Amino acid sequence: MGKLAVVCFAALVGAILATNGLDLWNAAKLGDLDSVNEILASGTDPNWRNPASYNQTALHIASDENNLAVVNALLAGGADIDALDNYGWTPIMYATSYGHLNIVQTLIAANANLTISLNNKGRWEGYTVLHIAAKNNKTEIAELLLEAGADKKQQDINGKTPGYVARENKHIDLANMIDNYTYTPDINLTLIITGVICGSAVFISVISYLVVRCVKARHARDKPEQPHVEVKEHITFVNEENIEMEHIYEIAD
């Protein structure tokens, strides 16, 4: 094969990959789960970036548009949970900005990085996802982020903490909540969460699971004299077809 033929073939392959990537991105934006699954099954890169939209991935736009089922499918298909667009925004930042609590829960449970900071010069530079929650007065999400370990003391490029950002945007209650936040694990806590089995994957409503996961780590940090916390999981199937199941997490010294 001559050099020209090789170049032409490479260009053709690149065009096909770009087309498939754009199809995935558009399907994610529209919440078209069937198309997303079909395109992923064809081998399309789940982390293809849309040059016409700040180099966002499909996970960025699905998180932005509050398409939870698509977010789960993309994560299962290998999407980078901490992908950065041109301005340093991650998927969880978009979900936080628009108040999509379920998306935030899901991304936290999948270990989204909460310390990444924006790199867009002159506008919110150095903001973390907690800064974004503070700016947009997303109290529930801010609480969830703090419970998951977001650092309330992390500063942006101008030395502003999330609490400061909330206060300067006149979200006084939120500012006070962030600044006064102290985690005190309840060692006798029992939490119940409900999940749905879909095929071979279990998609869980995440918030209670998240709290349980954090209790163990936070207890070790906040009570070093009692570093060991046992977390017991009891699973009860609600029916014979295993369509739903109940998780009970018991935490004790």
C-alpha atoms as a PDB file:
ATOM      1  CA  MET A   1       0.000   0.000   0.000  1.00  0.00           C
ATOM      2  CA  GLY A   2       1.451   3.354  -1.057  1.00  0.00           C
ATOM      3  CA  LYS A   3       1.918   6.304   1.274  1.00  0.00           C
ATOM      4  CA  LEU A   4      -1.020   8.168  -0.236  1.00  0.00           C
ATOM      5  CA  ALA A   5      -3.287   5.163   0.243  1.00  0.00           C
ATOM      6  CA  VAL A   6      -2.190   4.839   3.854  1.00  0.00           C
ATOM      7  CA  VAL A   7      -2.891   8.507   4.475  1.00  0.00           C
ATOM      8  CA  CYS A   8      -6.305   8.257   2.844  1.00  0.00           C
ATOM      9  CA  PHE A   9      -7.170   5.121   4.824  1.00  0.00           C
ATOM     10  CA  ALA A  10      -6.129   6.764   8.087  1.00  0.00           C
ATOM     11  CA  ALA A  11      -8.224   9.811   7.254  1.00  0.00           C
ATOM     12  CA  LEU A  12     -11.218   7.591   6.506  1.00  0.00           C
ATOM     13  CA  VAL A  13     -10.846   5.721   9.786  1.00  0.00           C
ATOM     14  CA  GLY A  14     -10.538   9.007  11.651  1.00  0.00           C
ATOM     15  CA  ALA A  15     -13.685  10.333  10.006  1.00  0.00           C
ATOM     16  CA  ILE A  16     -15.625   7.184  10.911  1.00  0.00           C
ATOM     17  CA  LEU A  17     -14.474   7.332  14.528  1.00  0.00           C
ATOM     18  CA  ALA A  18     -15.390  11.000  14.748  1.00  0.00           C
ATOM     19  CA  THR A  19     -18.836  10.300  13.301  1.00  0.00           C
ATOM     20  CA  ASN A  20     -19.465   7.494  15.780  1.00  0.00           C
ATOM     21  CA  GLY A  21     -18.190   9.649  18.627  1.00  0.00           C
ATOM     22  CA  LEU A  22     -20.493  12.487  17.667  1.00  0.00           C
ATOM     23  CA  ASP A  23     -23.408  10.078  17.411  1.00  0.00           C
ATOM     24  CA  LEU A  24     -22.644   8.904  20.946  1.00  0.00           C
ATOM     25  CA  TRP A  25     -22.372  12.467  22.213  1.00  0.00           C
ATOM     26  CA  ASN A  26     -25.689  13.464  20.615  1.00  0.00           C
ATOM     27  CA  ALA A  27     -27.448  10.360  21.932  1.00  0.00           C
ATOM     28  CA  ALA A  28     -26.131  11.121  25.420  1.00  0.00           C
ATOM     29  CA  LYS A  29     -27.394  14.686  25.158  1.00  0.00           C
ATOM     30  CA  LEU A  30     -30.858  13.494  24.135  1.00  0.00           C
ATOM     31  CA  GLY A  31     -31.003  10.761  26.767  1.00  0.00           C
ATOM     32  CA  ASP A  32     -31.354   8.089  24.069  1.00  0.00           C
ATOM     33  CA  LEU A  33     -30.226   5.106  26.132  1.00  0.00           C
ATOM     34  CA  ASP A  34     -30.818   2.487  23.432  1.00  0.00           C
ATOM     35  CA  SER A  35     -28.643   4.363  20.959  1.00  0.00           C
ATOM     36  CA  VAL A  36     -25.967   4.957  23.578  1.00  0.00           C
ATOM     37  CA  ASN A  37     -25.793   1.242  24.369  1.00  0.00           C
ATOM     38  CA  GLU A  38     -25.761   0.317  20.682  1.00  0.00           C
ATOM     39  CA  ILE A  39     -22.981   2.779  19.863  1.00  0.00           C
ATOM     40  CA  LEU A  40     -20.889   1.696  22.840  1.00  0.00           C
ATOM     41  CA  ALA A  41     -21.346  -1.948  21.835  1.00  0.00           C
ATOM     42  CA  SER A  42     -19.929  -1.115  18.399  1.00  0.00           C
ATOM     43  CA  GLY A  43     -16.617  -0.219  20.005  1.00  0.00           C
ATOM     44  CA  THR A  44     -16.898   3.554  19.890  1.00  0.00           C
ATOM     45  CA  ASP A  45     -14.583   5.397  22.268  1.00  0.00           C
ATOM     46  CA  PRO A  46     -16.732   6.456  25.260  1.00  0.00           C
ATOM     47  CA  ASN A  47     -14.327   9.347  25.847  1.00  0.00           C
ATOM     48  CA  TRP A  48     -14.569  10.954  22.409  1.00  0.00           C
ATOM     49  CA  ARG A  49     -14.557  14.730  22.758  1.00  0.00           C
ATOM     50  CA  ASN A  50     -16.800  17.116  20.878  1.00  0.00           C
ATOM     51  CA  PRO A  51     -14.624  19.928  19.482  1.00  0.00           C
ATOM     52  CA  ALA A  52     -17.742  22.013  18.873  1.00  0.00           C
ATOM     53  CA  SER A  53     -18.657  21.915  22.582  1.00  0.00           C
ATOM     54  CA  TYR A  54     -15.512  22.749  24.563  1.00  0.00           C
ATOM     55  CA  ASN A  55     -14.164  19.205  24.058  1.00  0.00           C
ATOM     56  CA  GLN A  56     -16.844  17.752  26.297  1.00  0.00           C
ATOM     57  CA  THR A  57     -17.251  13.994  26.431  1.00  0.00           C
ATOM     58  CA  ALA A  58     -20.578  12.181  26.320  1.00  0.00           C
ATOM     59  CA  LEU A  59     -20.432  11.880  30.113  1.00  0.00           C
ATOM     60  CA  HIS A  60     -20.104  15.647  30.421  1.00  0.00           C
ATOM     61  CA  ILE A  61     -23.225  16.287  28.367  1.00  0.00           C
ATOM     62  CA  ALA A  62     -25.245  13.455  29.951  1.00  0.00           C
ATOM     63  CA  SER A  63     -24.427  14.873  33.390  1.00  0.00           C
ATOM     64  CA  ASP A  64     -25.294  18.369  32.204  1.00  0.00           C
ATOM     65  CA  GLU A  65     -28.646  17.207  30.825  1.00  0.00           C
ATOM     66  CA  ASN A  66     -29.548  15.072  33.876  1.00  0.00           C
ATOM     67  CA  ASN A  67     -29.725  11.820  31.914  1.00  0.00           C
ATOM     68  CA  LEU A  68     -29.065   9.368  34.745  1.00  0.00           C
ATOM     69  CA  ALA A  69     -29.564   6.130  32.814  1.00  0.00           C
ATOM     70  CA  VAL A  70     -27.121   7.331  30.173  1.00  0.00           C
ATOM     71  CA  VAL A  71     -24.604   8.319  32.847  1.00  0.00           C
ATOM     72  CA  ASN A  72     -24.764   4.787  34.266  1.00  0.00           C
ATOM     73  CA  ALA A  73     -24.360   3.267  30.804  1.00  0.00           C
ATOM     74  CA  LEU A  74     -21.366   5.458  29.997  1.00  0.00           C
ATOM     75  CA  LEU A  75     -19.673   4.658  33.291  1.00  0.00           C
ATOM     76  CA  ALA A  76     -20.239   0.951  32.688  1.00  0.00           C
ATOM     77  CA  GLY A  77     -18.827   1.424  29.186  1.00  0.00           C
ATOM     78  CA  GLY A  78     -15.552   2.902  30.385  1.00  0.00           C
ATOM     79  CA  ALA A  79     -16.188   6.645  30.366  1.00  0.00           C
ATOM     80  CA  ASP A  80     -13.598   8.705  32.229  1.00  0.00           C
ATOM     81  CA  ILE A  81     -15.417  10.026  35.289  1.00  0.00           C
ATOM     82  CA  ASP A  82     -12.898  12.844  35.731  1.00  0.00           C
ATOM     83  CA  ALA A  83     -12.544  13.919  32.095  1.00  0.00           C
ATOM     84  CA  LEU A  84     -11.771  17.627  31.724  1.00  0.00           C
ATOM     85  CA  ASP A  85     -13.251  19.876  29.057  1.00  0.00           C
ATOM     86  CA  ASN A  86     -11.395  22.926  27.742  1.00  0.00           C
ATOM     87  CA  TYR A  87     -12.081  24.855  30.943  1.00  0.00           C
ATOM     88  CA  GLY A  88     -11.318  22.097  33.402  1.00  0.00           C
ATOM     89  CA  TRP A  89     -14.948  21.177  34.072  1.00  0.00           C
ATOM     90  CA  THR A  90     -15.584  17.577  35.051  1.00  0.00           C
ATOM     91  CA  PRO A  91     -18.946  15.794  34.690  1.00  0.00           C
ATOM     92  CA  ILE A  92     -19.714  16.190  38.405  1.00  0.00           C
ATOM     93  CA  MET A  93     -19.139  19.935  38.123  1.00  0.00           C
ATOM     94  CA  TYR A  94     -21.806  20.224  35.428  1.00  0.00           C
ATOM     95  CA  ALA A  95     -24.245  18.126  37.446  1.00  0.00           C
ATOM     96  CA  THR A  96     -23.571  20.261  40.512  1.00  0.00           C
ATOM     97  CA  SER A  97     -23.966  23.536  38.663  1.00  0.00           C
ATOM     98  CA  TYR A  98     -27.467  22.581  37.523  1.00  0.00           C
ATOM     99  CA  GLY A  99     -28.501  20.886  40.757  1.00  0.00           C
ATOM    100  CA  HIS A 100     -28.787  17.341  39.416  1.00  0.00           C
ATOM    101  CA  LEU A 101     -28.618  15.573  42.766  1.00  0.00           C
ATOM    102  CA  ASN A 102     -29.054  12.022  41.454  1.00  0.00           C
ATOM    103  CA  ILE A 103     -26.217  12.492  38.984  1.00  0.00           C
ATOM    104  CA  VAL A 104     -23.956  13.869  41.704  1.00  0.00           C
ATOM    105  CA  GLN A 105     -24.783  10.906  43.954  1.00  0.00           C
ATOM    106  CA  THR A 106     -23.975   8.468  41.181  1.00  0.00           C
ATOM    107  CA  LEU A 107     -20.682  10.127  40.260  1.00  0.00           C
ATOM    108  CA  ILE A 108     -19.556  10.329  43.878  1.00  0.00           C
ATOM    109  CA  ALA A 109     -20.342   6.646  44.348  1.00  0.00           C
ATOM    110  CA  ALA A 110     -18.193   5.956  41.281  1.00  0.00           C
ATOM    111  CA  ASN A 111     -15.301   7.816  42.963  1.00  0.00           C
ATOM    112  CA  ALA A 112     -15.374  11.150  41.159  1.00  0.00           C
ATOM    113  CA  ASN A 113     -12.451  13.368  42.146  1.00  0.00           C
ATOM    114  CA  LEU A 114     -13.688  16.255  44.313  1.00  0.00           C
ATOM    115  CA  THR A 115     -10.394  18.156  44.441  1.00  0.00           C
ATOM    116  CA  ILE A 116     -10.015  19.030  40.750  1.00  0.00           C
ATOM    117  CA  SER A 117     -10.112  22.786  40.174  1.00  0.00           C
ATOM    118  CA  LEU A 118     -11.133  24.846  37.151  1.00  0.00           C
ATOM    119  CA  ASN A 119      -8.431  26.238  34.893  1.00  0.00           C
ATOM    120  CA  ASN A 120     -10.432  28.844  32.965  1.00  0.00           C
ATOM    121  CA  LYS A 121      -8.382  31.996  33.349  1.00  0.00           C
ATOM    122  CA  GLY A 122     -10.123  34.966  34.909  1.00  0.00           C
ATOM    123  CA  ARG A 123     -13.414  33.198  35.654  1.00  0.00           C
ATOM    124  CA  TRP A 124     -13.816  30.930  38.650  1.00  0.00           C
ATOM    125  CA  GLU A 125     -10.211  29.827  38.289  1.00  0.00           C
ATOM    126  CA  GLY A 126      -9.374  27.333  40.977  1.00  0.00           C
ATOM    127  CA  TYR A 127     -13.005  26.537  41.815  1.00  0.00           C
ATOM    128  CA  THR A 128     -13.631  22.991  42.998  1.00  0.00           C
ATOM    129  CA  VAL A 129     -16.983  21.251  42.723  1.00  0.00           C
ATOM    130  CA  LEU A 130     -17.782  22.480  46.249  1.00  0.00           C
ATOM    131  CA  HIS A 131     -17.086  26.073  45.171  1.00  0.00           C
ATOM    132  CA  ILE A 132     -19.533  25.541  42.300  1.00  0.00           C
ATOM    133  CA  ALA A 133     -22.198  24.224  44.672  1.00  0.00           C
ATOM    134  CA  ALA A 134     -21.599  27.238  46.918  1.00  0.00           C
ATOM    135  CA  LYS A 135     -21.848  29.750  44.086  1.00  0.00           C
ATOM    136  CA  ASN A 136     -25.087  28.264  42.793  1.00  0.00           C
ATOM    137  CA  ASN A 137     -26.708  27.806  46.218  1.00  0.00           C
ATOM    138  CA  LYS A 138     -27.000  24.031  45.891  1.00  0.00           C
ATOM    139  CA  THR A 139     -27.315  23.197  49.572  1.00  0.00           C
ATOM    140  CA  GLU A 140     -28.216  19.506  49.298  1.00  0.00           C
ATOM    141  CA  ILE A 141     -25.359  18.892  46.926  1.00  0.00           C
ATOM    142  CA  ALA A 142     -22.941  20.841  49.117  1.00  0.00           C
ATOM    143  CA  GLU A 143     -23.913  18.646  52.070  1.00  0.00           C
ATOM    144  CA  LEU A 144     -23.417  15.536  49.978  1.00  0.00           C
ATOM    145  CA  LEU A 145     -20.005  16.728  48.787  1.00  0.00           C
ATOM    146  CA  LEU A 146     -18.889  17.532  52.310  1.00  0.00           C
ATOM    147  CA  GLU A 147     -20.056  14.116  53.492  1.00  0.00           C
ATOM    148  CA  ALA A 148     -18.022  12.577  50.680  1.00  0.00           C
ATOM    149  CA  GLY A 149     -14.876  14.374  51.765  1.00  0.00           C
ATOM    150  CA  ALA A 150     -14.836  17.631  49.788  1.00  0.00           C
ATOM    151  CA  ASP A 151     -12.430  20.083  51.404  1.00  0.00           C
ATOM    152  CA  LYS A 152     -14.237  23.172  52.707  1.00  0.00           C
ATOM    153  CA  LYS A 153     -10.872  24.902  53.166  1.00  0.00           C
ATOM    154  CA  GLN A 154      -9.605  24.483  49.597  1.00  0.00           C
ATOM    155  CA  GLN A 155      -9.058  27.908  48.019  1.00  0.00           C
ATOM    156  CA  ASP A 156      -9.476  29.182  44.485  1.00  0.00           C
ATOM    157  CA  ILE A 157      -6.809  31.245  42.709  1.00  0.00           C
ATOM    158  CA  ASN A 158      -7.876  34.300  44.730  1.00  0.00           C
ATOM    159  CA  GLY A 159      -7.773  32.541  48.077  1.00  0.00           C
ATOM    160  CA  LYS A 160     -11.551  32.136  48.351  1.00  0.00           C
ATOM    161  CA  THR A 161     -12.951  29.097  50.134  1.00  0.00           C
ATOM    162  CA  PRO A 162     -16.349  27.602  49.228  1.00  0.00           C
ATOM    163  CA  GLY A 163     -17.876  29.271  52.288  1.00  0.00           C
ATOM    164  CA  TYR A 164     -16.517  32.640  51.178  1.00  0.00           C
ATOM    165  CA  VAL A 165     -17.945  32.135  47.689  1.00  0.00           C
ATOM    166  CA  ALA A 166     -21.374  31.295  49.114  1.00  0.00           C
ATOM    167  CA  ARG A 167     -21.268  34.375  51.320  1.00  0.00           C
ATOM    168  CA  GLU A 168     -20.201  36.780  48.558  1.00  0.00           C
ATOM    169  CA  ASN A 169     -23.127  35.491  46.474  1.00  0.00           C
ATOM    170  CA  LYS A 170     -25.474  36.207  49.403  1.00  0.00           C
ATOM    171  CA  HIS A 171     -26.172  32.553  50.161  1.00  0.00           C
ATOM    172  CA  ILE A 172     -25.689  33.161  53.863  1.00  0.00           C
ATOM    173  CA  ASP A 173     -27.335  30.004  55.194  1.00  0.00           C
ATOM    174  CA  LEU A 174     -25.265  27.871  52.858  1.00  0.00           C
ATOM    175  CA  ALA A 175     -22.095  29.771  53.767  1.00  0.00           C
ATOM    176  CA  ASN A 176     -22.723  29.164  57.453  1.00  0.00           C
ATOM    177  CA  MET A 177     -23.448  25.499  56.852  1.00  0.00           C
ATOM    178  CA  ILE A 178     -20.191  25.015  54.947  1.00  0.00           C
ATOM    179  CA  ASP A 179     -18.042  26.999  57.356  1.00  0.00           C
ATOM    180  CA  ASN A 180     -19.517  25.320  60.432  1.00  0.00           C
ATOM    181  CA  TYR A 181     -19.554  21.827  58.983  1.00  0.00           C
ATOM    182  CA  THR A 182     -18.041  19.191  61.233  1.00  0.00           C
ATOM    183  CA  TYR A 183     -18.508  15.522  60.596  1.00  0.00           C
ATOM    184  CA  THR A 184     -19.506  13.457  63.628  1.00  0.00           C
ATOM    185  CA  PRO A 185     -19.985   9.804  62.705  1.00  0.00           C
ATOM    186  CA  ASP A 186     -22.869   7.974  64.341  1.00  0.00           C
ATOM    187  CA  ILE A 187     -21.356   4.640  65.247  1.00  0.00           C
ATOM    188  CA  ASN A 188     -24.755   2.990  65.782  1.00  0.00           C
ATOM    189  CA  LEU A 189     -26.096   4.184  62.467  1.00  0.00           C
ATOM    190  CA  THR A 190     -28.209   1.797  60.398  1.00  0.00           C
ATOM    191  CA  LEU A 191     -28.935   2.745  56.817  1.00  0.00           C
ATOM    192  CA  ILE A 192     -31.251   1.176  54.273  1.00  0.00           C
ATOM    193  CA  ILE A 193     -30.936   1.638  50.543  1.00  0.00           C
ATOM    194  CA  THR A 194     -32.903   0.216  47.666  1.00  0.00           C
ATOM    195  CA  GLY A 195     -31.490  -0.860  44.333  1.00  0.00           C
ATOM    196  CA  VAL A 196     -32.787  -2.245  41.070  1.00  0.00           C
ATOM    197  CA  ILE A 197     -31.103  -5.084  39.222  1.00  0.00           C
ATOM    198  CA  CYS A 198     -30.965  -4.451  35.485  1.00  0.00           C
ATOM    199  CA  GLY A 199     -29.365  -7.339  33.621  1.00  0.00           C
ATOM    200  CA  SER A 200     -26.090  -8.056  35.416  1.00  0.00           C
ATOM    201  CA  ALA A 201     -25.688  -4.555  36.872  1.00  0.00           C
ATOM    202  CA  VAL A 202     -27.187  -3.176  40.056  1.00  0.00           C
ATOM    203  CA  PHE A 203     -27.989   0.516  39.925  1.00  0.00           C
ATOM    204  CA  ILE A 204     -28.347   1.829  43.433  1.00  0.00           C
ATOM    205  CA  SER A 205     -29.897   4.985  44.759  1.00  0.00           C
ATOM    206  CA  VAL A 206     -26.619   6.109  46.158  1.00  0.00           C
ATOM    207  CA  ILE A 207     -26.920   8.580  48.979  1.00  0.00           C
ATOM    208  CA  SER A 208     -27.234   6.162  51.893  1.00  0.00           C
ATOM    209  CA  TYR A 209     -24.492   3.947  50.523  1.00  0.00           C
ATOM    210  CA  LEU A 210     -22.295   6.994  50.216  1.00  0.00           C
ATOM    211  CA  VAL A 211     -22.833   8.008  53.826  1.00  0.00           C
ATOM    212  CA  VAL A 212     -21.958   4.512  54.989  1.00  0.00           C
ATOM    213  CA  ARG A 213     -18.789   4.452  52.950  1.00  0.00           C
ATOM    214  CA  CYS A 214     -17.720   7.803  54.335  1.00  0.00           C
ATOM    215  CA  VAL A 215     -18.458   6.886  57.946  1.00  0.00           C
ATOM    216  CA  LYS A 216     -15.681   4.339  58.038  1.00  0.00           C
ATOM    217  CA  ALA A 217     -13.042   6.660  56.610  1.00  0.00           C
ATOM    218  CA  ARG A 218     -14.144   9.699  58.586  1.00  0.00           C
ATOM    219  CA  HIS A 219     -14.352   7.758  61.839  1.00  0.00           C
ATOM    220  CA  ALA A 220     -10.755   6.625  61.434  1.00  0.00           C
ATOM    221  CA  ARG A 221      -9.728  10.208  60.758  1.00  0.00           C
ATOM    222  CA  ASP A 222     -11.766  11.945  63.450  1.00  0.00           C
ATOM    223  CA  LYS A 223     -11.369   9.332  66.188  1.00  0.00           C
ATOM    224  CA  PRO A 224      -7.847   7.946  65.828  1.00  0.00           C
ATOM    225  CA  GLU A 225      -8.081   6.472  69.310  1.00  0.00           C
ATOM    226  CA  GLN A 226     -10.842   4.199  67.946  1.00  0.00           C
ATOM    227  CA  PRO A 227      -9.615   3.555  64.421  1.00  0.00           C
ATOM    228  CA  HIS A 228     -11.576   0.388  63.719  1.00  0.00           C
ATOM    229  CA  VAL A 229     -15.171   0.468  62.556  1.00  0.00           C
ATOM    230  CA  GLU A 230     -16.891  -2.682  61.396  1.00  0.00           C
ATOM    231  CA  VAL A 231     -19.400  -2.338  58.560  1.00  0.00           C
ATOM    232  CA  LYS A 232     -21.764  -5.257  58.202  1.00  0.00           C
ATOM    233  CA  GLU A 233     -23.904  -5.686  55.112  1.00  0.00           C
ATOM    234  CA  HIS A 234     -27.088  -7.714  55.113  1.00  0.00           C
ATOM    235  CA  ILE A 235     -28.819  -8.309  51.781  1.00  0.00           C
ATOM    236  CA  THR A 236     -32.428  -9.444  51.605  1.00  0.00           C
ATOM    237  CA  PHE A 237     -34.038 -10.271  48.276  1.00  0.00           C
ATOM    238  CA  VAL A 238     -37.545  -8.931  48.099  1.00  0.00           C
ATOM    239  CA  ASN A 239     -38.867 -11.415  45.579  1.00  0.00           C
ATOM    240  CA  GLU A 240     -37.855 -14.607  43.835  1.00  0.00           C
ATOM    241  CA  GLU A 241     -36.937 -12.869  40.593  1.00  0.00           C
ATOM    242  CA  ASN A 242     -34.424 -10.651  42.398  1.00  0.00           C
ATOM    243  CA  ILE A 243     -35.851  -7.575  40.730  1.00  0.00           C
ATOM    244  CA  GLU A 244     -35.380  -5.492  43.848  1.00  0.00           C
ATOM    245  CA  MET A 245     -33.198  -5.948  46.849  1.00  0.00           C
ATOM    246  CA  GLU A 246     -32.731  -4.267  50.166  1.00  0.00           C
ATOM    247  CA  HIS A 247     -29.329  -3.463  51.625  1.00  0.00           C
ATOM    248  CA  ILE A 248     -28.958  -2.872  55.347  1.00  0.00           C
ATOM    249  CA  TYR A 249     -25.626  -1.532  56.505  1.00  0.00           C
ATOM    250  CA  GLU A 250     -24.907  -1.829  60.210  1.00  0.00           C
ATOM    251  CA  ILE A 251     -22.024   0.151  61.656  1.00  0.00           C
ATOM    252  CA  ALA A 252     -20.589  -0.628  65.062  1.00  0.00           C
ATOM    253  CA  ASP A 253     -17.380  -0.235  67.040  1.00  0.00           C
END
